[in-house]
PDB file of N, CA and C in Angstrom:
ATOM      1  N   MET A   1     -34.302 -32.195  -0.980  1.00  0.00           N
ATOM      2  CA  MET A   1     -33.221 -32.035  -0.019  1.00  0.00           C
ATOM      3  C   MET A   1     -32.089 -31.182  -0.592  1.00  0.00           C
ATOM      4  N   ILE A   2     -31.729 -31.445  -1.847  1.00  0.00           N
ATOM      5  CA  ILE A   2     -30.635 -30.694  -2.466  1.00  0.00           C
ATOM      6  C   ILE A   2     -31.014 -29.233  -2.625  1.00  0.00           C
ATOM      7  N   ARG A   3     -32.297 -29.001  -2.869  1.00  0.00           N
ATOM      8  CA  ARG A   3     -32.770 -27.625  -3.032  1.00  0.00           C
ATOM      9  C   ARG A   3     -32.618 -26.851  -1.718  1.00  0.00           C
ATOM     10  N   VAL A   4     -32.873 -27.489  -0.607  1.00  0.00           N
ATOM     11  CA  VAL A   4     -32.745 -26.842   0.705  1.00  0.00           C
ATOM     12  C   VAL A   4     -31.284 -26.504   0.974  1.00  0.00           C
ATOM     13  N   LEU A   5     -30.368 -27.395   0.642  1.00  0.00           N
ATOM     14  CA  LEU A   5     -28.950 -27.137   0.835  1.00  0.00           C
ATOM     15  C   LEU A   5     -28.472 -25.985  -0.045  1.00  0.00           C
ATOM     16  N   LEU A   6     -28.920 -25.933  -1.281  1.00  0.00           N
ATOM     17  CA  LEU A   6     -28.532 -24.843  -2.176  1.00  0.00           C
ATOM     18  C   LEU A   6     -29.065 -23.495  -1.686  1.00  0.00           C
ATOM     19  N   ILE A   7     -30.301 -23.485  -1.201  1.00  0.00           N
ATOM     20  CA  ILE A   7     -30.877 -22.244  -0.665  1.00  0.00           C
ATOM     21  C   ILE A   7     -30.124 -21.811   0.588  1.00  0.00           C
ATOM     22  N   ALA A   8     -29.764 -22.755   1.449  1.00  0.00           N
ATOM     23  CA  ALA A   8     -29.017 -22.432   2.662  1.00  0.00           C
ATOM     24  C   ALA A   8     -27.637 -21.868   2.305  1.00  0.00           C
ATOM     25  N   ALA A   9     -26.981 -22.458   1.316  1.00  0.00           N
ATOM     26  CA  ALA A   9     -25.670 -21.961   0.885  1.00  0.00           C
ATOM     27  C   ALA A   9     -25.800 -20.563   0.299  1.00  0.00           C
ATOM     28  N   LEU A  10     -26.843 -20.316  -0.476  1.00  0.00           N
ATOM     29  CA  LEU A  10     -27.066 -18.996  -1.051  1.00  0.00           C
ATOM     30  C   LEU A  10     -27.325 -17.956   0.029  1.00  0.00           C
ATOM     31  N   ILE A  11     -28.121 -18.291   1.014  1.00  0.00           N
ATOM     32  CA  ILE A  11     -28.398 -17.369   2.129  1.00  0.00           C
ATOM     33  C   ILE A  11     -27.107 -17.075   2.896  1.00  0.00           C
ATOM     34  N   PHE A  12     -26.300 -18.098   3.118  1.00  0.00           N
ATOM     35  CA  PHE A  12     -25.030 -17.902   3.812  1.00  0.00           C
ATOM     36  C   PHE A  12     -24.118 -16.946   3.039  1.00  0.00           C
ATOM     37  N   LEU A  13     -24.002 -17.142   1.731  1.00  0.00           N
ATOM     38  CA  LEU A  13     -23.138 -16.278   0.917  1.00  0.00           C
ATOM     39  C   LEU A  13     -23.647 -14.841   0.875  1.00  0.00           C
ATOM     40  N   ILE A  14     -24.943 -14.660   0.794  1.00  0.00           N
ATOM     41  CA  ILE A  14     -25.510 -13.312   0.793  1.00  0.00           C
ATOM     42  C   ILE A  14     -25.265 -12.636   2.143  1.00  0.00           C
ATOM     43  N   ALA A  15     -25.464 -13.363   3.237  1.00  0.00           N
ATOM     44  CA  ALA A  15     -25.237 -12.794   4.572  1.00  0.00           C
ATOM     45  C   ALA A  15     -23.769 -12.431   4.764  1.00  0.00           C
ATOM     46  N   ARG A  16     -22.875 -13.280   4.294  1.00  0.00           N
ATOM     47  CA  ARG A  16     -21.445 -13.000   4.425  1.00  0.00           C
ATOM     48  C   ARG A  16     -21.053 -11.765   3.615  1.00  0.00           C
ATOM     49  N   ALA A  17     -21.560 -11.658   2.402  1.00  0.00           N
ATOM     50  CA  ALA A  17     -21.272 -10.479   1.582  1.00  0.00           C
ATOM     51  C   ALA A  17     -21.820  -9.216   2.238  1.00  0.00           C
ATOM     52  N   PHE A  18     -23.018  -9.307   2.796  1.00  0.00           N
ATOM     53  CA  PHE A  18     -23.613  -8.158   3.478  1.00  0.00           C
ATOM     54  C   PHE A  18     -22.738  -7.709   4.641  1.00  0.00           C
ATOM     55  N   TRP A  19     -22.280  -8.645   5.460  1.00  0.00           N
ATOM     56  CA  TRP A  19     -21.468  -8.261   6.615  1.00  0.00           C
ATOM     57  C   TRP A  19     -20.098  -7.734   6.206  1.00  0.00           C
ATOM     58  N   ARG A  20     -19.556  -8.218   5.100  1.00  0.00           N
ATOM     59  CA  ARG A  20     -18.284  -7.669   4.613  1.00  0.00           C
ATOM     60  C   ARG A  20     -18.460  -6.228   4.141  1.00  0.00           C
ATOM     61  N   VAL A  21     -19.601  -5.943   3.527  1.00  0.00           N
ATOM     62  CA  VAL A  21     -19.884  -4.567   3.120  1.00  0.00           C
ATOM     63  C   VAL A  21     -20.037  -3.683   4.346  1.00  0.00           C
ATOM     64  N   VAL A  22     -20.769  -4.153   5.349  1.00  0.00           N
ATOM     65  CA  VAL A  22     -20.942  -3.387   6.586  1.00  0.00           C
ATOM     66  C   VAL A  22     -19.596  -3.177   7.263  1.00  0.00           C
ATOM     67  N   ASP A  23     -18.752  -4.196   7.290  1.00  0.00           N
ATOM     68  CA  ASP A  23     -17.407  -4.075   7.858  1.00  0.00           C
ATOM     69  C   ASP A  23     -16.597  -3.003   7.130  1.00  0.00           C
ATOM     70  N   GLY A  24     -16.678  -2.993   5.806  1.00  0.00           N
ATOM     71  CA  GLY A  24     -15.956  -2.000   5.020  1.00  0.00           C
ATOM     72  C   GLY A  24     -16.447  -0.589   5.290  1.00  0.00           C
ATOM     73  N   ILE A  25     -17.751  -0.436   5.435  1.00  0.00           N
ATOM     74  CA  ILE A  25     -18.309   0.880   5.748  1.00  0.00           C
ATOM     75  C   ILE A  25     -17.852   1.334   7.121  1.00  0.00           C
ATOM     76  N   MET A  26     -17.883   0.443   8.095  1.00  0.00           N
ATOM     77  CA  MET A  26     -17.445   0.800   9.446  1.00  0.00           C
ATOM     78  C   MET A  26     -15.960   1.135   9.465  1.00  0.00           C
ATOM     79  N   GLU A  27     -15.173   0.419   8.703  1.00  0.00           N
ATOM     80  CA  GLU A  27     -13.737   0.694   8.622  1.00  0.00           C
ATOM     81  C   GLU A  27     -13.490   2.062   8.000  1.00  0.00           C
ATOM     82  N   GLY A  28     -14.239   2.377   6.968  1.00  0.00           N
ATOM     83  CA  GLY A  28     -14.085   3.666   6.312  1.00  0.00           C
ATOM     84  C   GLY A  28     -14.510   4.826   7.187  1.00  0.00           C
ATOM     85  N   VAL A  29     -15.566   4.638   7.950  1.00  0.00           N
ATOM     86  CA  VAL A  29     -16.064   5.706   8.811  1.00  0.00           C
ATOM     87  C   VAL A  29     -15.140   5.924  10.002  1.00  0.00           C
ATOM     88  N   SER A  30     -14.701   4.843  10.620  1.00  0.00           N
ATOM     89  CA  SER A  30     -13.902   4.969  11.835  1.00  0.00           C
ATOM     90  C   SER A  30     -12.413   5.137  11.554  1.00  0.00           C
ATOM     91  N   GLY A  31     -11.960   4.689  10.403  1.00  0.00           N
ATOM     92  CA  GLY A  31     -10.539   4.757  10.090  1.00  0.00           C
ATOM     93  C   GLY A  31      -9.745   3.630  10.722  1.00  0.00           C
ATOM     94  N   ALA A  32     -10.411   2.742  11.421  1.00  0.00           N
ATOM     95  CA  ALA A  32      -9.732   1.615  12.073  1.00  0.00           C
ATOM     96  C   ALA A  32     -10.149   0.326  11.389  1.00  0.00           C
ATOM     97  N   ARG A  33      -9.254  -0.618  11.381  1.00  0.00           N
ATOM     98  CA  ARG A  33      -9.568  -1.911  10.790  1.00  0.00           C
ATOM     99  C   ARG A  33     -10.378  -2.735  11.789  1.00  0.00           C
ATOM    100  N   THR A  34     -11.504  -3.249  11.312  1.00  0.00           N
ATOM    101  CA  THR A  34     -12.335  -4.066  12.179  1.00  0.00           C
ATOM    102  C   THR A  34     -12.144  -5.545  11.910  1.00  0.00           C
ATOM    103  N   GLY A  35     -11.730  -5.901  10.715  1.00  0.00           N
ATOM    104  CA  GLY A  35     -11.522  -7.301  10.373  1.00  0.00           C
ATOM    105  C   GLY A  35     -10.209  -7.801  10.928  1.00  0.00           C
ATOM    106  N   GLY A  36     -10.233  -8.880  11.669  1.00  0.00           N
ATOM    107  CA  GLY A  36      -9.018  -9.406  12.265  1.00  0.00           C
ATOM    108  C   GLY A  36      -8.152 -10.182  11.291  1.00  0.00           C
ATOM    109  N   SER A  37      -8.688 -10.530  10.129  1.00  0.00           N
ATOM    110  CA  SER A  37      -7.933 -11.365   9.211  1.00  0.00           C
ATOM    111  C   SER A  37      -6.946 -10.574   8.362  1.00  0.00           C
ATOM    112  N   ARG A  38      -7.099  -9.270   8.281  1.00  0.00           N
ATOM    113  CA  ARG A  38      -6.181  -8.464   7.473  1.00  0.00           C
ATOM    114  C   ARG A  38      -4.977  -8.046   8.294  1.00  0.00           C
ATOM    115  N   ALA A  39      -3.812  -8.149   7.690  1.00  0.00           N
ATOM    116  CA  ALA A  39      -2.587  -7.779   8.403  1.00  0.00           C
ATOM    117  C   ALA A  39      -2.409  -6.269   8.372  1.00  0.00           C
ATOM    118  N   GLN A  40      -1.982  -5.717   9.495  1.00  0.00           N
ATOM    119  CA  GLN A  40      -1.686  -4.295   9.571  1.00  0.00           C
ATOM    120  C   GLN A  40      -0.299  -4.088   8.994  1.00  0.00           C
ATOM    121  N   GLY A  41      -0.215  -3.320   7.935  1.00  0.00           N
ATOM    122  CA  GLY A  41       1.073  -3.034   7.331  1.00  0.00           C
ATOM    123  C   GLY A  41       1.636  -1.737   7.879  1.00  0.00           C
ATOM    124  N   ARG A  42       2.931  -1.649   7.893  1.00  0.00           N
ATOM    125  CA  ARG A  42       3.569  -0.407   8.330  1.00  0.00           C
ATOM    126  C   ARG A  42       3.704   0.510   7.138  1.00  0.00           C
ATOM    127  N   ALA A  43       3.533   1.772   7.392  1.00  0.00           N
ATOM    128  CA  ALA A  43       3.694   2.757   6.332  1.00  0.00           C
ATOM    129  C   ALA A  43       5.177   2.883   5.994  1.00  0.00           C
ATOM    130  N   VAL A  44       5.452   2.963   4.716  1.00  0.00           N
ATOM    131  CA  VAL A  44       6.821   3.105   4.248  1.00  0.00           C
ATOM    132  C   VAL A  44       6.932   4.475   3.597  1.00  0.00           C
ATOM    133  N   LYS A  45       7.889   5.262   4.054  1.00  0.00           N
ATOM    134  CA  LYS A  45       8.086   6.587   3.493  1.00  0.00           C
ATOM    135  C   LYS A  45       8.816   6.458   2.166  1.00  0.00           C
ATOM    136  N   LEU A  46       8.231   7.060   1.124  1.00  0.00           N
ATOM    137  CA  LEU A  46       8.805   6.998  -0.210  1.00  0.00           C
ATOM    138  C   LEU A  46       9.353   8.356  -0.612  1.00  0.00           C
ATOM    139  N   ALA A  47      10.367   8.326  -1.438  1.00  0.00           N
ATOM    140  CA  ALA A  47      10.937   9.543  -2.014  1.00  0.00           C
ATOM    141  C   ALA A  47      10.959   9.368  -3.530  1.00  0.00           C
ATOM    142  N   ARG A  48      10.815  10.470  -4.247  1.00  0.00           N
ATOM    143  CA  ARG A  48      10.809  10.418  -5.709  1.00  0.00           C
ATOM    144  C   ARG A  48      12.220  10.659  -6.224  1.00  0.00           C
ATOM    145  N   ASP A  49      12.683   9.744  -7.057  1.00  0.00           N
ATOM    146  CA  ASP A  49      13.991   9.876  -7.689  1.00  0.00           C
ATOM    147  C   ASP A  49      13.934  11.064  -8.647  1.00  0.00           C
ATOM    148  N   PRO A  50      14.805  12.077  -8.476  1.00  0.00           N
ATOM    149  CA  PRO A  50      14.739  13.256  -9.334  1.00  0.00           C
ATOM    150  C   PRO A  50      15.185  13.011 -10.774  1.00  0.00           C
ATOM    151  N   VAL A  51      15.817  11.877 -11.045  1.00  0.00           N
ATOM    152  CA  VAL A  51      16.290  11.591 -12.402  1.00  0.00           C
ATOM    153  C   VAL A  51      15.223  10.846 -13.207  1.00  0.00           C
ATOM    154  N   CYS A  52      14.786   9.702 -12.703  1.00  0.00           N
ATOM    155  CA  CYS A  52      13.853   8.877 -13.478  1.00  0.00           C
ATOM    156  C   CYS A  52      12.403   8.970 -12.997  1.00  0.00           C
ATOM    157  N   GLY A  53      12.179   9.560 -11.818  1.00  0.00           N
ATOM    158  CA  GLY A  53      10.821   9.729 -11.318  1.00  0.00           C
ATOM    159  C   GLY A  53      10.275   8.545 -10.554  1.00  0.00           C
ATOM    160  N   THR A  54      11.068   7.515 -10.370  1.00  0.00           N
ATOM    161  CA  THR A  54      10.633   6.338  -9.633  1.00  0.00           C
ATOM    162  C   THR A  54      10.488   6.679  -8.157  1.00  0.00           C
ATOM    163  N   HIS A  55       9.449   6.132  -7.515  1.00  0.00           N
ATOM    164  CA  HIS A  55       9.293   6.295  -6.073  1.00  0.00           C
ATOM    165  C   HIS A  55      10.005   5.131  -5.390  1.00  0.00           C
ATOM    166  N   VAL A  56      10.906   5.456  -4.478  1.00  0.00           N
ATOM    167  CA  VAL A  56      11.703   4.434  -3.803  1.00  0.00           C
ATOM    168  C   VAL A  56      11.571   4.595  -2.291  1.00  0.00           C
ATOM    169  N   PRO A  57      11.602   3.478  -1.552  1.00  0.00           N
ATOM    170  CA  PRO A  57      11.625   3.584  -0.091  1.00  0.00           C
ATOM    171  C   PRO A  57      12.927   4.244   0.345  1.00  0.00           C
ATOM    172  N   ILE A  58      12.823   5.174   1.268  1.00  0.00           N
ATOM    173  CA  ILE A  58      14.013   5.909   1.705  1.00  0.00           C
ATOM    174  C   ILE A  58      15.062   4.985   2.305  1.00  0.00           C
ATOM    175  N   ASN A  59      14.609   3.985   3.055  1.00  0.00           N
ATOM    176  CA  ASN A  59      15.583   3.106   3.711  1.00  0.00           C
ATOM    177  C   ASN A  59      16.275   2.151   2.732  1.00  0.00           C
ATOM    178  N   ALA A  60      15.801   2.056   1.479  1.00  0.00           N
ATOM    179  CA  ALA A  60      16.437   1.176   0.497  1.00  0.00           C
ATOM    180  C   ALA A  60      16.963   1.958  -0.700  1.00  0.00           C
ATOM    181  N   SER A  61      17.115   3.265  -0.545  1.00  0.00           N
ATOM    182  CA  SER A  61      17.537   4.096  -1.672  1.00  0.00           C
ATOM    183  C   SER A  61      19.014   4.449  -1.565  1.00  0.00           C
ATOM    184  N   VAL A  62      19.523   5.019  -2.638  1.00  0.00           N
ATOM    185  CA  VAL A  62      20.880   5.555  -2.671  1.00  0.00           C
ATOM    186  C   VAL A  62      20.742   7.055  -2.444  1.00  0.00           C
ATOM    187  N   ALA A  63      21.380   7.568  -1.412  1.00  0.00           N
ATOM    188  CA  ALA A  63      21.211   8.973  -1.037  1.00  0.00           C
ATOM    189  C   ALA A  63      22.437   9.795  -1.426  1.00  0.00           C
ATOM    190  N   LEU A  64      22.172  11.067  -1.707  1.00  0.00           N
ATOM    191  CA  LEU A  64      23.227  12.014  -2.022  1.00  0.00           C
ATOM    192  C   LEU A  64      22.803  13.361  -1.445  1.00  0.00           C
ATOM    193  N   THR A  65      23.682  13.968  -0.635  1.00  0.00           N
ATOM    194  CA  THR A  65      23.379  15.268  -0.045  1.00  0.00           C
ATOM    195  C   THR A  65      24.165  16.331  -0.790  1.00  0.00           C
ATOM    196  N   VAL A  66      23.437  17.307  -1.325  1.00  0.00           N
ATOM    197  CA  VAL A  66      24.044  18.404  -2.071  1.00  0.00           C
ATOM    198  C   VAL A  66      23.502  19.704  -1.494  1.00  0.00           C
ATOM    199  N   GLY A  67      24.387  20.541  -0.988  1.00  0.00           N
ATOM    200  CA  GLY A  67      23.980  21.838  -0.456  1.00  0.00           C
ATOM    201  C   GLY A  67      22.988  21.748   0.692  1.00  0.00           C
ATOM    202  N   GLY A  68      23.121  20.754   1.525  1.00  0.00           N
ATOM    203  CA  GLY A  68      22.231  20.602   2.675  1.00  0.00           C
ATOM    204  C   GLY A  68      20.921  19.902   2.361  1.00  0.00           C
ATOM    205  N   THR A  69      20.662  19.570   1.097  1.00  0.00           N
ATOM    206  CA  THR A  69      19.444  18.857   0.698  1.00  0.00           C
ATOM    207  C   THR A  69      19.805  17.428   0.324  1.00  0.00           C
ATOM    208  N   THR A  70      19.089  16.480   0.892  1.00  0.00           N
ATOM    209  CA  THR A  70      19.337  15.075   0.591  1.00  0.00           C
ATOM    210  C   THR A  70      18.404  14.634  -0.524  1.00  0.00           C
ATOM    211  N   HIS A  71      18.971  14.037  -1.548  1.00  0.00           N
ATOM    212  CA  HIS A  71      18.221  13.493  -2.670  1.00  0.00           C
ATOM    213  C   HIS A  71      18.321  11.974  -2.596  1.00  0.00           C
ATOM    214  N   TYR A  72      17.221  11.293  -2.937  1.00  0.00           N
ATOM    215  CA  TYR A  72      17.180   9.833  -2.874  1.00  0.00           C
ATOM    216  C   TYR A  72      17.000   9.287  -4.286  1.00  0.00           C
ATOM    217  N   PHE A  73      17.763   8.233  -4.608  1.00  0.00           N
ATOM    218  CA  PHE A  73      17.777   7.672  -5.958  1.00  0.00           C
ATOM    219  C   PHE A  73      17.490   6.178  -5.907  1.00  0.00           C
ATOM    220  N   CYS A  74      16.963   5.676  -7.020  1.00  0.00           N
ATOM    221  CA  CYS A  74      16.652   4.244  -7.095  1.00  0.00           C
ATOM    222  C   CYS A  74      17.895   3.403  -7.355  1.00  0.00           C
ATOM    223  N   SER A  75      18.928   4.022  -7.934  1.00  0.00           N
ATOM    224  CA  SER A  75      20.140   3.268  -8.253  1.00  0.00           C
ATOM    225  C   SER A  75      21.347   4.201  -8.272  1.00  0.00           C
ATOM    226  N   GLU A  76      22.505   3.591  -8.296  1.00  0.00           N
ATOM    227  CA  GLU A  76      23.733   4.371  -8.385  1.00  0.00           C
ATOM    228  C   GLU A  76      23.846   5.062  -9.733  1.00  0.00           C
ATOM    229  N   ALA A  77      23.274   4.456 -10.773  1.00  0.00           N
ATOM    230  CA  ALA A  77      23.317   5.070 -12.103  1.00  0.00           C
ATOM    231  C   ALA A  77      22.545   6.389 -12.111  1.00  0.00           C
ATOM    232  N   CYS A  78      21.376   6.418 -11.491  1.00  0.00           N
ATOM    233  CA  CYS A  78      20.609   7.671 -11.417  1.00  0.00           C
ATOM    234  C   CYS A  78      21.350   8.702 -10.571  1.00  0.00           C
ATOM    235  N   ARG A  79      21.962   8.242  -9.482  1.00  0.00           N
ATOM    236  CA  ARG A  79      22.731   9.166  -8.653  1.00  0.00           C
ATOM    237  C   ARG A  79      23.886   9.775  -9.442  1.00  0.00           C
ATOM    238  N   ASP A  80      24.588   8.951 -10.221  1.00  0.00           N
ATOM    239  CA  ASP A  80      25.715   9.444 -11.021  1.00  0.00           C
ATOM    240  C   ASP A  80      25.247  10.416 -12.099  1.00  0.00           C
ATOM    241  N   LEU A  81      24.110  10.151 -12.733  1.00  0.00           N
ATOM    242  CA  LEU A  81      23.579  11.083 -13.727  1.00  0.00           C
ATOM    243  C   LEU A  81      23.223  12.419 -13.089  1.00  0.00           C
ATOM    244  N   PHE A  82      22.649  12.375 -11.896  1.00  0.00           N
ATOM    245  CA  PHE A  82      22.306  13.605 -11.185  1.00  0.00           C
ATOM    246  C   PHE A  82      23.567  14.383 -10.818  1.00  0.00           C
ATOM    247  N   ARG A  83      24.565  13.640 -10.388  1.00  0.00           N
ATOM    248  CA  ARG A  83      25.841  14.272  -9.994  1.00  0.00           C
ATOM    249  C   ARG A  83      26.497  14.960 -11.186  1.00  0.00           C
ATOM    250  N   LYS A  84      26.434  14.329 -12.378  1.00  0.00           N
ATOM    251  CA  LYS A  84      27.013  14.912 -13.576  1.00  0.00           C
ATOM    252  C   LYS A  84      26.254  16.172 -14.012  1.00  0.00           C
ATOM    253  N   ALA A  85      24.928  16.161 -13.844  1.00  0.00           N
ATOM    254  CA  ALA A  85      24.108  17.301 -14.271  1.00  0.00           C
ATOM    255  C   ALA A  85      24.244  18.485 -13.326  1.00  0.00           C
ATOM    256  N   SER A  86      24.635  18.237 -12.087  1.00  0.00           N
ATOM    257  CA  SER A  86      24.741  19.334 -11.100  1.00  0.00           C
ATOM    258  C   SER A  86      26.012  20.121 -11.277  1.00  0.00           C
TER     259      SER A  86
END
């Protein structure tokens, strides 16, 4: 009896892994998420800090506009260093 339960559990796990692989292939081909359990995240636009090279979200960065160009910084310290170098 225990052997039958173990074989059934093994078959279930193999079938589940197979369908997850098929789901991943379909997602990759179509570009759409097929699994309902994964949350759809929103894309966040990142900018590279010109001083330290850190990528920061634009909406959470410290901005400085110089000569019509807006630069985004991870902190006020990086912004101040950039300002001194300009």
